[in-house]
Amino acid sequence: MKVNVEVECSPEEARRFLGLPDVTKANEVYVEALTNAMQGAGSFDQLQELTKQIAPMGEFGLKMFQKFLESGVAMAMSGTGGPSGSKPKKDG
């Protein structure tokens, strides 16, 4: 048997339902600091140095993070029960 449930809610309601912390203030501080840093970069070299500070592993780190997200999505879409790759047993 397959059951689909649709829930319509705001991002704030979803965050509360899932028990995730409210990071609004931290995000605002981060965006403001990043904006100020980008405005202070007067040349390409300064902008490149800022990029290295934000993503210390550069393109490799971003690719690794992308693969991590893709594998998580693939696991969620396949319905696997976890890292072992086993699907949950069905009753009946």
C-alpha atoms as a PDB file:
ATOM      1  CA  MET A   1       0.000   0.000   0.000  1.00  0.00           C
ATOM      2  CA  LYS A   2       1.263   3.441  -0.860  1.00  0.00           C
ATOM      3  CA  VAL A   3       0.070   6.563   0.948  1.00  0.00           C
ATOM      4  CA  ASN A   4       0.864  10.114  -0.153  1.00  0.00           C
ATOM      5  CA  VAL A   5       0.441  12.962   2.292  1.00  0.00           C
ATOM      6  CA  GLU A   6       0.609  16.598   1.237  1.00  0.00           C
ATOM      7  CA  VAL A   7       1.221  19.248   3.848  1.00  0.00           C
ATOM      8  CA  GLU A   8       0.798  22.911   3.091  1.00  0.00           C
ATOM      9  CA  CYS A   9       2.664  25.133   5.491  1.00  0.00           C
ATOM     10  CA  SER A  10       5.043  28.045   5.627  1.00  0.00           C
ATOM     11  CA  PRO A  11       8.805  27.496   5.976  1.00  0.00           C
ATOM     12  CA  GLU A  12       8.520  28.756   9.575  1.00  0.00           C
ATOM     13  CA  GLU A  13       5.803  26.202  10.383  1.00  0.00           C
ATOM     14  CA  ALA A  14       7.857  23.419   8.778  1.00  0.00           C
ATOM     15  CA  ARG A  15      10.937  24.436  10.793  1.00  0.00           C
ATOM     16  CA  ARG A  16       8.976  24.316  14.043  1.00  0.00           C
ATOM     17  CA  PHE A  17       7.306  21.008  13.150  1.00  0.00           C
ATOM     18  CA  LEU A  18      10.679  19.392  12.411  1.00  0.00           C
ATOM     19  CA  GLY A  19      12.181  20.836  15.598  1.00  0.00           C
ATOM     20  CA  LEU A  20      14.886  22.788  13.763  1.00  0.00           C
ATOM     21  CA  PRO A  21      16.449  25.829  15.437  1.00  0.00           C
ATOM     22  CA  ASP A  22      15.598  29.352  14.355  1.00  0.00           C
ATOM     23  CA  VAL A  23      18.761  30.644  12.658  1.00  0.00           C
ATOM     24  CA  THR A  24      17.250  33.837  11.259  1.00  0.00           C
ATOM     25  CA  LYS A  25      19.456  36.159  13.321  1.00  0.00           C
ATOM     26  CA  ALA A  26      22.623  34.173  12.550  1.00  0.00           C
ATOM     27  CA  ASN A  27      21.755  34.222   8.856  1.00  0.00           C
ATOM     28  CA  GLU A  28      21.203  37.994   8.928  1.00  0.00           C
ATOM     29  CA  VAL A  29      24.610  38.522  10.585  1.00  0.00           C
ATOM     30  CA  TYR A  30      26.300  36.218   8.057  1.00  0.00           C
ATOM     31  CA  VAL A  31      24.698  37.927   5.053  1.00  0.00           C
ATOM     32  CA  GLU A  32      25.574  41.379   6.409  1.00  0.00           C
ATOM     33  CA  ALA A  33      29.209  40.375   7.036  1.00  0.00           C
ATOM     34  CA  LEU A  34      29.465  38.814   3.585  1.00  0.00           C
ATOM     35  CA  THR A  35      27.929  41.889   1.951  1.00  0.00           C
ATOM     36  CA  ASN A  36      30.336  44.201   3.772  1.00  0.00           C
ATOM     37  CA  ALA A  37      33.297  42.011   2.815  1.00  0.00           C
ATOM     38  CA  MET A  38      32.252  41.951  -0.844  1.00  0.00           C
ATOM     39  CA  GLN A  39      31.840  45.719  -0.901  1.00  0.00           C
ATOM     40  CA  GLY A  40      35.333  46.082   0.562  1.00  0.00           C
ATOM     41  CA  ALA A  41      36.860  43.984  -2.218  1.00  0.00           C
ATOM     42  CA  GLY A  42      38.132  46.617  -4.620  1.00  0.00           C
ATOM     43  CA  SER A  43      39.963  44.319  -7.006  1.00  0.00           C
ATOM     44  CA  PHE A  44      39.719  40.861  -8.502  1.00  0.00           C
ATOM     45  CA  ASP A  45      42.619  39.660  -6.306  1.00  0.00           C
ATOM     46  CA  GLN A  46      40.835  40.786  -3.133  1.00  0.00           C
ATOM     47  CA  LEU A  47      37.630  39.080  -4.275  1.00  0.00           C
ATOM     48  CA  GLN A  48      39.553  35.879  -5.008  1.00  0.00           C
ATOM     49  CA  GLU A  49      41.136  35.981  -1.534  1.00  0.00           C
ATOM     50  CA  LEU A  50      37.687  36.452   0.009  1.00  0.00           C
ATOM     51  CA  THR A  51      36.424  33.432  -1.932  1.00  0.00           C
ATOM     52  CA  LYS A  52      39.298  31.322  -0.573  1.00  0.00           C
ATOM     53  CA  GLN A  53      38.358  32.340   2.969  1.00  0.00           C
ATOM     54  CA  ILE A  54      34.694  31.450   2.446  1.00  0.00           C
ATOM     55  CA  ALA A  55      35.382  28.103   0.769  1.00  0.00           C
ATOM     56  CA  PRO A  56      38.821  26.994   2.016  1.00  0.00           C
ATOM     57  CA  MET A  57      38.828  23.844  -0.094  1.00  0.00           C
ATOM     58  CA  GLY A  58      37.779  25.779  -3.184  1.00  0.00           C
ATOM     59  CA  GLU A  59      36.119  23.965  -6.049  1.00  0.00           C
ATOM     60  CA  PHE A  60      37.036  20.545  -4.638  1.00  0.00           C
ATOM     61  CA  GLY A  61      35.185  21.290  -1.402  1.00  0.00           C
ATOM     62  CA  LEU A  62      32.113  22.502  -3.260  1.00  0.00           C
ATOM     63  CA  LYS A  63      32.114  19.412  -5.507  1.00  0.00           C
ATOM     64  CA  MET A  64      32.459  17.163  -2.455  1.00  0.00           C
ATOM     65  CA  PHE A  65      29.516  18.918  -0.776  1.00  0.00           C
ATOM     66  CA  GLN A  66      27.468  18.600  -3.977  1.00  0.00           C
ATOM     67  CA  LYS A  67      28.157  14.835  -4.125  1.00  0.00           C
ATOM     68  CA  PHE A  68      27.161  14.541  -0.464  1.00  0.00           C
ATOM     69  CA  LEU A  69      23.819  16.226  -1.182  1.00  0.00           C
ATOM     70  CA  GLU A  70      23.234  14.187  -4.338  1.00  0.00           C
ATOM     71  CA  SER A  71      23.843  10.903  -2.503  1.00  0.00           C
ATOM     72  CA  GLY A  72      21.417  11.974   0.235  1.00  0.00           C
ATOM     73  CA  VAL A  73      18.750  12.791  -2.334  1.00  0.00           C
ATOM     74  CA  ALA A  74      19.373   9.485  -4.137  1.00  0.00           C
ATOM     75  CA  MET A  75      18.990   7.569  -0.873  1.00  0.00           C
ATOM     76  CA  ALA A  76      15.778   9.426  -0.035  1.00  0.00           C
ATOM     77  CA  MET A  77      14.345   8.807  -3.509  1.00  0.00           C
ATOM     78  CA  SER A  78      15.197   5.110  -3.491  1.00  0.00           C
ATOM     79  CA  GLY A  79      13.582   4.586  -0.095  1.00  0.00           C
ATOM     80  CA  THR A  80      16.621   2.940   1.439  1.00  0.00           C
ATOM     81  CA  GLY A  81      16.613   2.431   5.162  1.00  0.00           C
ATOM     82  CA  GLY A  82      20.001   3.987   5.726  1.00  0.00           C
ATOM     83  CA  PRO A  83      23.672   3.622   4.882  1.00  0.00           C
ATOM     84  CA  SER A  84      23.411  -0.165   4.672  1.00  0.00           C
ATOM     85  CA  GLY A  85      21.223   0.225   1.598  1.00  0.00           C
ATOM     86  CA  SER A  86      18.527  -2.110   2.886  1.00  0.00           C
ATOM     87  CA  LYS A  87      14.912  -1.238   2.304  1.00  0.00           C
ATOM     88  CA  PRO A  88      12.548  -1.469   5.246  1.00  0.00           C
ATOM     89  CA  LYS A  89      10.559  -4.695   5.402  1.00  0.00           C
ATOM     90  CA  LYS A  90       6.896  -4.511   4.428  1.00  0.00           C
ATOM     91  CA  ASP A  91       4.243  -6.145   6.552  1.00  0.00           C
ATOM     92  CA  GLY A  92       1.933  -8.542   4.840  1.00  0.00           C
END
